[in-house]
């Protein structure tokens, strides 16, 4: 796990391809111990367990975090699990640092009258 820190931000980048229970607990512990703005860089991650997603949902209710560089497979999963409603999802690190251009899934529906 790589951690990039400055005065206001902390970016956590898991370096493993699969986030299992052990990696999930390490990431969550790091997020909880930091009182700055925290983001996850998922550029190296290809797969994750349901425990990671459930832990992420729980931690997002306590602390607002950002997530960026999400692979397409995980992005679909995050949208289905409504992670986009409780965490800030960005395309890149620059968007997170500027807190701009957040990805939001609106789920519009056509209503027939």
N, C-alpha and C. Protein backbone atom coordinates (compact mmCIF):
# COMPACT_ATOMS: atom_id res chain seq x y z
N UNK A 1 0.85 -1.17 0.00
CA UNK A 1 0.00 0.00 0.00
C UNK A 1 0.89 1.24 0.00
N UNK A 2 0.64 2.12 -0.92
CA UNK A 2 1.39 3.36 -1.02
C UNK A 2 0.53 4.49 -0.47
N UNK A 3 1.14 5.36 0.34
CA UNK A 3 0.42 6.47 0.94
C UNK A 3 1.13 7.76 0.55
N UNK A 4 0.39 8.66 -0.08
CA UNK A 4 0.92 9.96 -0.49
C UNK A 4 0.26 11.00 0.41
N UNK A 5 1.08 11.78 1.10
CA UNK A 5 0.55 12.74 2.06
C UNK A 5 1.08 14.14 1.78
N UNK A 6 0.23 15.11 2.07
CA UNK A 6 0.67 16.50 2.16
C UNK A 6 -0.11 17.14 3.29
N UNK A 7 -0.12 18.45 3.39
CA UNK A 7 -0.74 19.12 4.53
C UNK A 7 -2.24 18.84 4.64
N UNK A 8 -2.95 18.82 3.52
CA UNK A 8 -4.40 18.72 3.56
C UNK A 8 -4.95 17.40 3.06
N UNK A 9 -4.15 16.61 2.35
CA UNK A 9 -4.66 15.42 1.69
C UNK A 9 -3.86 14.17 2.05
N UNK A 10 -4.55 13.04 1.99
CA UNK A 10 -3.91 11.74 2.13
C UNK A 10 -4.49 10.83 1.06
N UNK A 11 -3.63 10.31 0.20
CA UNK A 11 -4.07 9.44 -0.88
C UNK A 11 -3.50 8.04 -0.63
N UNK A 12 -4.40 7.08 -0.56
CA UNK A 12 -4.02 5.69 -0.31
C UNK A 12 -4.17 4.91 -1.60
N UNK A 13 -3.08 4.27 -2.03
CA UNK A 13 -3.10 3.50 -3.27
C UNK A 13 -2.73 2.05 -2.97
N UNK A 14 -3.72 1.16 -2.93
CA UNK A 14 -3.40 -0.26 -2.75
C UNK A 14 -2.62 -0.76 -3.97
N UNK A 15 -1.52 -1.46 -3.74
CA UNK A 15 -0.68 -1.92 -4.83
C UNK A 15 -0.98 -3.36 -5.25
N UNK A 16 -1.95 -3.99 -4.61
CA UNK A 16 -2.29 -5.36 -4.96
C UNK A 16 -3.44 -5.36 -5.98
N UNK A 17 -3.52 -6.39 -6.75
CA UNK A 17 -4.57 -6.49 -7.76
C UNK A 17 -5.92 -6.87 -7.20
N UNK A 18 -5.93 -7.54 -6.06
CA UNK A 18 -7.16 -8.00 -5.44
C UNK A 18 -7.19 -7.51 -4.00
N UNK A 19 -8.23 -6.79 -3.62
CA UNK A 19 -8.37 -6.33 -2.24
C UNK A 19 -9.19 -7.36 -1.49
N UNK A 20 -8.52 -8.07 -0.58
CA UNK A 20 -9.18 -9.10 0.22
C UNK A 20 -9.47 -8.53 1.61
N UNK A 21 -9.82 -9.41 2.56
CA UNK A 21 -10.16 -8.97 3.91
C UNK A 21 -8.99 -8.28 4.61
N UNK A 22 -7.80 -8.84 4.44
CA UNK A 22 -6.62 -8.28 5.10
C UNK A 22 -6.31 -6.87 4.57
N UNK A 23 -6.26 -6.73 3.25
CA UNK A 23 -6.00 -5.41 2.66
C UNK A 23 -7.11 -4.42 3.02
N UNK A 24 -8.33 -4.89 3.03
CA UNK A 24 -9.47 -4.05 3.38
C UNK A 24 -9.33 -3.49 4.79
N UNK A 25 -8.97 -4.33 5.73
CA UNK A 25 -8.83 -3.87 7.12
C UNK A 25 -7.68 -2.87 7.25
N UNK A 26 -6.60 -3.08 6.51
CA UNK A 26 -5.47 -2.12 6.53
C UNK A 26 -5.89 -0.76 5.98
N UNK A 27 -6.64 -0.79 4.88
CA UNK A 27 -7.08 0.47 4.26
C UNK A 27 -8.04 1.21 5.17
N UNK A 28 -9.00 0.50 5.74
CA UNK A 28 -9.99 1.13 6.61
C UNK A 28 -9.33 1.71 7.85
N UNK A 29 -8.37 0.99 8.41
CA UNK A 29 -7.65 1.49 9.59
C UNK A 29 -6.89 2.76 9.26
N UNK A 30 -6.27 2.81 8.10
CA UNK A 30 -5.54 4.00 7.68
C UNK A 30 -6.49 5.19 7.48
N UNK A 31 -7.65 4.94 6.89
CA UNK A 31 -8.63 6.01 6.66
C UNK A 31 -9.12 6.57 7.99
N UNK A 32 -9.43 5.70 8.93
CA UNK A 32 -9.94 6.15 10.22
C UNK A 32 -8.91 6.90 11.04
N UNK A 33 -7.63 6.58 10.89
CA UNK A 33 -6.58 7.24 11.66
C UNK A 33 -6.17 8.59 11.11
N UNK A 34 -6.68 8.96 9.96
CA UNK A 34 -6.28 10.22 9.33
C UNK A 34 -7.43 11.22 9.43
N UNK A 35 -7.11 12.46 9.83
CA UNK A 35 -8.15 13.47 9.95
C UNK A 35 -8.10 14.49 8.82
N UNK A 36 -7.37 14.21 7.76
CA UNK A 36 -7.36 15.04 6.56
C UNK A 36 -8.33 14.48 5.55
N UNK A 37 -8.44 15.12 4.40
CA UNK A 37 -9.23 14.57 3.30
C UNK A 37 -8.52 13.34 2.77
N UNK A 38 -9.25 12.24 2.66
CA UNK A 38 -8.66 10.96 2.28
C UNK A 38 -9.27 10.49 0.97
N UNK A 39 -8.43 9.92 0.11
CA UNK A 39 -8.90 9.36 -1.16
C UNK A 39 -8.23 8.02 -1.40
N UNK A 40 -8.94 7.17 -2.15
CA UNK A 40 -8.41 5.89 -2.58
C UNK A 40 -8.09 5.95 -4.06
N UNK A 41 -6.87 5.60 -4.42
CA UNK A 41 -6.46 5.49 -5.81
C UNK A 41 -6.51 4.01 -6.18
N UNK A 42 -7.50 3.62 -6.97
CA UNK A 42 -7.69 2.21 -7.30
C UNK A 42 -7.12 1.83 -8.66
N UNK A 43 -6.09 2.52 -9.12
CA UNK A 43 -5.54 2.26 -10.45
C UNK A 43 -4.89 0.88 -10.57
N UNK A 44 -4.40 0.31 -9.48
CA UNK A 44 -3.76 -1.02 -9.53
C UNK A 44 -4.72 -2.16 -9.22
N UNK A 45 -5.90 -1.83 -8.75
CA UNK A 45 -6.86 -2.85 -8.29
C UNK A 45 -7.69 -3.35 -9.47
N UNK A 46 -7.84 -4.67 -9.56
CA UNK A 46 -8.64 -5.28 -10.62
C UNK A 46 -9.87 -5.98 -10.06
N UNK A 47 -9.81 -6.35 -8.77
CA UNK A 47 -10.90 -7.10 -8.17
C UNK A 47 -10.92 -6.81 -6.67
N UNK A 48 -12.10 -6.97 -6.07
CA UNK A 48 -12.21 -6.79 -4.63
C UNK A 48 -13.30 -7.71 -4.10
N UNK A 49 -13.26 -7.94 -2.81
CA UNK A 49 -14.26 -8.79 -2.18
C UNK A 49 -15.45 -7.95 -1.75
N UNK A 50 -16.54 -8.61 -1.44
CA UNK A 50 -17.73 -7.91 -0.96
C UNK A 50 -17.46 -7.29 0.40
N UNK A 51 -16.54 -7.86 1.17
CA UNK A 51 -16.18 -7.29 2.47
C UNK A 51 -15.58 -5.90 2.32
N UNK A 52 -14.78 -5.71 1.27
CA UNK A 52 -14.20 -4.39 1.03
C UNK A 52 -15.30 -3.38 0.71
N UNK A 53 -16.25 -3.76 -0.10
CA UNK A 53 -17.33 -2.84 -0.47
C UNK A 53 -18.20 -2.51 0.74
N UNK A 54 -18.52 -3.51 1.54
CA UNK A 54 -19.32 -3.27 2.75
C UNK A 54 -18.55 -2.41 3.75
N UNK A 55 -17.26 -2.65 3.89
CA UNK A 55 -16.44 -1.82 4.78
C UNK A 55 -16.37 -0.39 4.28
N UNK A 56 -16.27 -0.24 2.97
CA UNK A 56 -16.23 1.08 2.36
C UNK A 56 -17.54 1.83 2.60
N UNK A 57 -18.66 1.12 2.46
CA UNK A 57 -19.96 1.74 2.73
C UNK A 57 -20.08 2.18 4.18
N UNK A 58 -19.59 1.36 5.09
CA UNK A 58 -19.65 1.70 6.51
C UNK A 58 -18.78 2.89 6.84
N UNK A 59 -17.59 2.92 6.30
CA UNK A 59 -16.66 4.01 6.60
C UNK A 59 -17.13 5.32 5.97
N UNK A 60 -17.79 5.24 4.82
CA UNK A 60 -18.28 6.46 4.15
C UNK A 60 -19.40 7.12 4.92
N UNK A 61 -20.10 6.37 5.74
CA UNK A 61 -21.14 6.97 6.57
C UNK A 61 -20.54 7.78 7.72
N UNK A 62 -19.32 7.43 8.12
CA UNK A 62 -18.63 8.14 9.20
C UNK A 62 -17.77 9.28 8.68
N UNK A 63 -17.16 9.06 7.52
CA UNK A 63 -16.20 10.03 6.99
C UNK A 63 -16.32 10.07 5.47
N UNK A 64 -16.37 11.26 4.91
CA UNK A 64 -16.48 11.41 3.47
C UNK A 64 -15.11 11.19 2.84
N UNK A 65 -15.04 10.24 1.90
CA UNK A 65 -13.78 9.95 1.22
C UNK A 65 -13.96 10.09 -0.28
N UNK A 66 -12.86 10.22 -0.97
CA UNK A 66 -12.87 10.28 -2.43
C UNK A 66 -12.27 9.00 -3.00
N UNK A 67 -12.75 8.64 -4.17
CA UNK A 67 -12.23 7.46 -4.87
C UNK A 67 -11.97 7.88 -6.31
N UNK A 68 -10.81 7.52 -6.85
CA UNK A 68 -10.51 7.86 -8.24
C UNK A 68 -9.70 6.76 -8.89
N UNK A 69 -9.54 6.86 -10.21
CA UNK A 69 -8.86 5.86 -11.05
C UNK A 69 -9.48 4.47 -10.88
N UNK A 70 -10.79 4.40 -10.97
CA UNK A 70 -11.51 3.16 -10.77
C UNK A 70 -11.58 2.38 -12.08
N UNK A 71 -11.15 1.13 -12.10
CA UNK A 71 -11.29 0.31 -13.31
C UNK A 71 -12.77 0.12 -13.65
N UNK A 72 -13.06 -0.13 -14.90
CA UNK A 72 -14.45 -0.18 -15.37
C UNK A 72 -15.27 -1.27 -14.68
N UNK A 73 -14.68 -2.43 -14.41
CA UNK A 73 -15.41 -3.50 -13.73
C UNK A 73 -15.84 -3.08 -12.33
N UNK A 74 -14.93 -2.45 -11.60
CA UNK A 74 -15.26 -1.99 -10.26
C UNK A 74 -16.21 -0.80 -10.29
N UNK A 75 -16.09 0.04 -11.30
CA UNK A 75 -16.97 1.19 -11.42
C UNK A 75 -18.43 0.76 -11.57
N UNK A 76 -18.66 -0.26 -12.36
CA UNK A 76 -20.02 -0.79 -12.52
C UNK A 76 -20.52 -1.34 -11.19
N UNK A 77 -19.67 -2.06 -10.50
CA UNK A 77 -20.04 -2.62 -9.20
C UNK A 77 -20.34 -1.51 -8.19
N UNK A 78 -19.53 -0.46 -8.19
CA UNK A 78 -19.76 0.67 -7.28
C UNK A 78 -21.09 1.34 -7.58
N UNK A 79 -21.44 1.46 -8.85
CA UNK A 79 -22.73 2.07 -9.21
C UNK A 79 -23.90 1.18 -8.79
N UNK A 80 -23.78 -0.12 -8.97
CA UNK A 80 -24.85 -1.04 -8.58
C UNK A 80 -25.02 -1.05 -7.06
N UNK A 81 -23.92 -0.96 -6.32
CA UNK A 81 -23.96 -0.99 -4.86
C UNK A 81 -24.18 0.40 -4.25
N UNK A 82 -24.40 1.41 -5.08
CA UNK A 82 -24.69 2.79 -4.65
C UNK A 82 -23.55 3.44 -3.86
N UNK A 83 -22.33 3.07 -4.16
CA UNK A 83 -21.19 3.72 -3.52
C UNK A 83 -21.11 5.18 -3.98
N UNK A 84 -21.56 5.45 -5.18
CA UNK A 84 -21.52 6.82 -5.70
C UNK A 84 -22.41 7.77 -4.91
N UNK A 85 -23.34 7.24 -4.14
CA UNK A 85 -24.24 8.08 -3.34
C UNK A 85 -23.63 8.48 -2.00
N UNK A 86 -22.63 7.72 -1.53
CA UNK A 86 -22.08 8.02 -0.21
C UNK A 86 -20.60 8.41 -0.24
N UNK A 87 -19.93 8.24 -1.37
CA UNK A 87 -18.52 8.63 -1.51
C UNK A 87 -18.39 9.54 -2.73
N UNK A 88 -17.35 10.34 -2.74
CA UNK A 88 -17.07 11.20 -3.89
C UNK A 88 -16.23 10.42 -4.88
N UNK A 89 -16.74 10.24 -6.09
CA UNK A 89 -16.02 9.49 -7.12
C UNK A 89 -15.52 10.47 -8.17
N UNK A 90 -14.22 10.39 -8.45
CA UNK A 90 -13.58 11.27 -9.42
C UNK A 90 -12.88 10.43 -10.48
N UNK A 91 -12.55 11.05 -11.60
CA UNK A 91 -11.83 10.36 -12.66
C UNK A 91 -10.34 10.29 -12.33
N UNK A 92 -9.77 11.39 -11.84
CA UNK A 92 -8.32 11.45 -11.64
C UNK A 92 -7.97 12.11 -10.31
N UNK A 93 -6.69 12.05 -9.99
CA UNK A 93 -6.19 12.66 -8.76
C UNK A 93 -6.34 14.17 -8.79
N UNK A 94 -6.15 14.76 -9.94
CA UNK A 94 -6.27 16.21 -10.07
C UNK A 94 -7.69 16.66 -9.74
N UNK A 95 -8.68 15.89 -10.21
CA UNK A 95 -10.07 16.22 -9.90
C UNK A 95 -10.33 16.13 -8.40
N UNK A 96 -9.76 15.14 -7.74
CA UNK A 96 -9.92 15.03 -6.28
C UNK A 96 -9.26 16.21 -5.57
N UNK A 97 -8.05 16.54 -5.97
CA UNK A 97 -7.34 17.64 -5.31
C UNK A 97 -8.07 18.97 -5.47
N UNK A 98 -8.69 19.18 -6.64
CA UNK A 98 -9.44 20.40 -6.88
C UNK A 98 -10.88 20.31 -6.39
N UNK A 99 -11.31 19.10 -5.99
CA UNK A 99 -12.68 18.82 -5.60
C UNK A 99 -13.66 19.29 -6.68
N UNK A 100 -13.36 18.91 -7.90
CA UNK A 100 -14.16 19.31 -9.06
C UNK A 100 -14.41 18.11 -9.95
N UNK A 101 -15.41 18.22 -10.80
CA UNK A 101 -15.74 17.19 -11.80
C UNK A 101 -15.98 15.82 -11.17
N UNK A 102 -16.86 15.80 -10.20
CA UNK A 102 -17.23 14.56 -9.54
C UNK A 102 -18.17 13.75 -10.44
N UNK A 103 -18.01 12.43 -10.47
CA UNK A 103 -18.87 11.55 -11.26
C UNK A 103 -20.10 11.21 -10.43
N UNK A 104 -21.26 11.48 -11.00
CA UNK A 104 -22.52 11.21 -10.30
C UNK A 104 -23.42 10.41 -11.22
N UNK A 105 -23.97 9.33 -10.71
CA UNK A 105 -24.92 8.51 -11.45
C UNK A 105 -26.32 8.97 -11.05
N UNK A 106 -27.02 9.64 -11.95
CA UNK A 106 -28.32 10.24 -11.63
C UNK A 106 -29.48 9.25 -11.71
N UNK A 107 -29.36 8.21 -12.53
CA UNK A 107 -30.41 7.20 -12.69
C UNK A 107 -31.76 7.80 -13.06
N UNK A 108 -31.76 8.55 -14.13
CA UNK A 108 -33.00 9.13 -14.64
C UNK A 108 -33.90 8.04 -15.20
N UNK A 109 -35.18 8.23 -15.07
CA UNK A 109 -36.16 7.29 -15.61
C UNK A 109 -37.19 8.05 -16.43
N UNK A 110 -37.71 7.38 -17.47
CA UNK A 110 -38.76 7.96 -18.29
C UNK A 110 -40.09 7.57 -17.66
N UNK A 111 -40.92 8.58 -17.43
CA UNK A 111 -42.22 8.35 -16.85
C UNK A 111 -43.28 8.59 -17.91
N UNK A 112 -44.11 7.61 -18.15
CA UNK A 112 -45.18 7.76 -19.13
C UNK A 112 -46.45 8.19 -18.42
N UNK A 113 -47.13 9.17 -19.02
CA UNK A 113 -48.38 9.63 -18.41
C UNK A 113 -49.58 9.25 -19.25
